[in-house]
Amino acid sequence: MAKYAESIVKENSKLELLVSRQSFTVCFRYISDTETDLNKFNLELRESLRKSGKSIVNYGFIDNILTIRLITANGEIEKSDIDLFFKNIIGQACKIEKKPVLDYA
C-alpha cells in the first residue's frame, strides 16, 4: 500500500514527495497556491484534517521541512482506504485555500 500511496503523491502536482518511500512510510507535503510558508500550511492542514475526524496522520521534519508522514503498516489497509485518505487531504487543503475541491487523481 505504501507503493500505491507513493504513486499517488508522484502523480499529483499538488503533492510533493520529500524522500523516497521508506518501507511503510510515505513522506510528502501539499503545495499550496495561496500560502508561501508551506510548513505552516501543512501543519494547519494536518491539524484541520485531524480535528475533522476524517483522517489522522502524523508529521515530522526532514531537515527544516515539515512532512506529512503516512504510515501504511496496518495489514487491513486497502487501496480504497488510501484513495479516501488522499481525497480527504486534498479536500481539506482546498477548503483551507478557499478553493473548489479538486479530485486528487
Protein backbone atom coordinates (compact mmCIF):
# COMPACT_ATOMS: atom_id res chain seq x y z
CA MET A 1 0.00 0.00 0.00
CA ALA A 2 2.94 2.34 0.57
CA LYS A 3 3.97 1.89 -3.07
CA TYR A 4 0.42 2.74 -4.12
CA ALA A 5 0.35 5.84 -1.87
CA GLU A 6 3.75 6.92 -3.19
CA SER A 7 2.47 6.63 -6.77
CA ILE A 8 -0.48 8.90 -5.95
CA VAL A 9 1.86 11.53 -4.49
CA LYS A 10 4.17 11.35 -7.51
CA GLU A 11 1.27 11.70 -9.96
CA ASN A 12 -0.38 14.69 -8.27
CA SER A 13 1.03 18.13 -9.00
CA LYS A 14 -0.32 19.47 -5.66
CA LEU A 15 1.70 16.90 -3.68
CA GLU A 16 5.46 16.72 -3.28
CA LEU A 17 7.28 13.54 -2.27
CA LEU A 18 10.03 14.68 0.10
CA VAL A 19 12.01 11.42 0.19
CA SER A 20 11.60 8.06 -1.46
CA ARG A 21 9.23 5.70 0.27
CA GLN A 22 10.76 4.05 3.34
CA SER A 23 9.18 0.64 3.94
CA PHE A 24 5.64 1.52 5.09
CA THR A 25 6.16 5.31 5.30
CA VAL A 26 5.42 7.94 2.66
CA CYS A 27 6.63 11.48 3.46
CA PHE A 28 5.06 14.27 1.45
CA ARG A 29 3.61 17.74 1.63
CA TYR A 30 0.85 19.68 -0.07
CA ILE A 31 1.96 22.55 -2.31
CA SER A 32 -0.36 25.48 -1.63
CA ASP A 33 -1.13 28.14 -4.23
CA THR A 34 -2.06 30.65 -1.53
CA GLU A 35 0.48 30.17 1.27
CA THR A 36 4.21 30.78 0.96
CA ASP A 37 5.10 29.21 4.32
CA LEU A 38 4.49 25.58 3.37
CA ASN A 39 5.49 24.30 6.83
CA LYS A 40 2.78 26.43 8.41
CA PHE A 41 0.23 25.44 5.77
CA ASN A 42 0.93 21.71 6.05
CA LEU A 43 0.77 21.77 9.84
CA GLU A 44 -2.56 23.59 9.61
CA LEU A 45 -3.70 21.03 7.03
CA ARG A 46 -2.72 18.12 9.24
CA GLU A 47 -4.41 19.64 12.30
CA SER A 48 -7.55 20.54 10.35
CA LEU A 49 -7.78 17.01 8.96
CA ARG A 50 -7.29 15.51 12.44
CA LYS A 51 -9.90 17.78 14.01
CA SER A 52 -12.39 16.91 11.26
CA GLY A 53 -12.12 13.26 12.31
CA LYS A 54 -11.83 12.15 8.69
CA SER A 55 -8.19 11.07 8.78
CA ILE A 56 -5.44 11.04 11.36
CA VAL A 57 -1.88 11.27 10.09
CA ASN A 58 1.38 12.18 11.76
CA TYR A 59 4.02 14.68 10.74
CA GLY A 60 7.73 15.18 11.20
CA PHE A 61 10.62 17.17 9.80
CA ILE A 62 13.17 16.35 7.15
CA ASP A 63 15.85 18.95 7.62
CA ASN A 64 13.64 22.03 8.22
CA ILE A 65 10.77 20.89 6.01
CA LEU A 66 7.56 19.74 7.67
CA THR A 67 6.42 16.48 6.14
CA ILE A 68 3.14 14.66 6.45
CA ARG A 69 4.03 11.06 7.31
CA LEU A 70 1.58 8.49 6.04
CA ILE A 71 2.32 5.09 7.57
CA THR A 72 0.64 2.12 5.91
CA ALA A 73 1.63 -0.63 8.37
CA ASN A 74 -1.91 -1.87 9.01
CA GLY A 75 -2.34 -5.12 7.06
CA GLU A 76 -6.05 -4.40 6.61
CA ILE A 77 -5.48 -1.22 4.55
CA GLU A 78 -6.85 -1.39 1.02
CA LYS A 79 -6.44 0.87 -2.00
CA SER A 80 -9.85 2.36 -1.25
CA ASP A 81 -8.55 3.49 2.17
CA ILE A 82 -5.53 5.17 0.56
CA ASP A 83 -7.82 6.79 -2.02
CA LEU A 84 -10.08 8.09 0.74
CA PHE A 85 -7.11 9.48 2.68
CA PHE A 86 -5.90 11.48 -0.33
CA LYS A 87 -9.43 12.61 -1.15
CA ASN A 88 -9.71 13.87 2.44
CA ILE A 89 -6.33 15.62 2.45
CA ILE A 90 -6.84 17.31 -0.92
CA GLY A 91 -10.39 18.29 0.04
CA GLN A 92 -9.25 19.77 3.35
CA ALA A 93 -6.41 21.66 1.64
CA CYS A 94 -8.84 23.16 -0.88
CA LYS A 95 -11.13 24.15 1.99
CA ILE A 96 -8.26 25.94 3.75
CA GLU A 97 -7.29 27.64 0.50
CA LYS A 98 -10.96 28.54 -0.06
CA LYS A 99 -10.92 26.90 -3.48
CA PRO A 100 -13.30 24.44 -5.10
CA VAL A 101 -12.48 20.89 -4.02
CA LEU A 102 -10.28 19.17 -6.59
CA ASP A 103 -10.17 15.49 -7.36
CA TYR A 104 -6.83 14.13 -6.17
CA ALA A 105 -6.27 11.93 -9.21
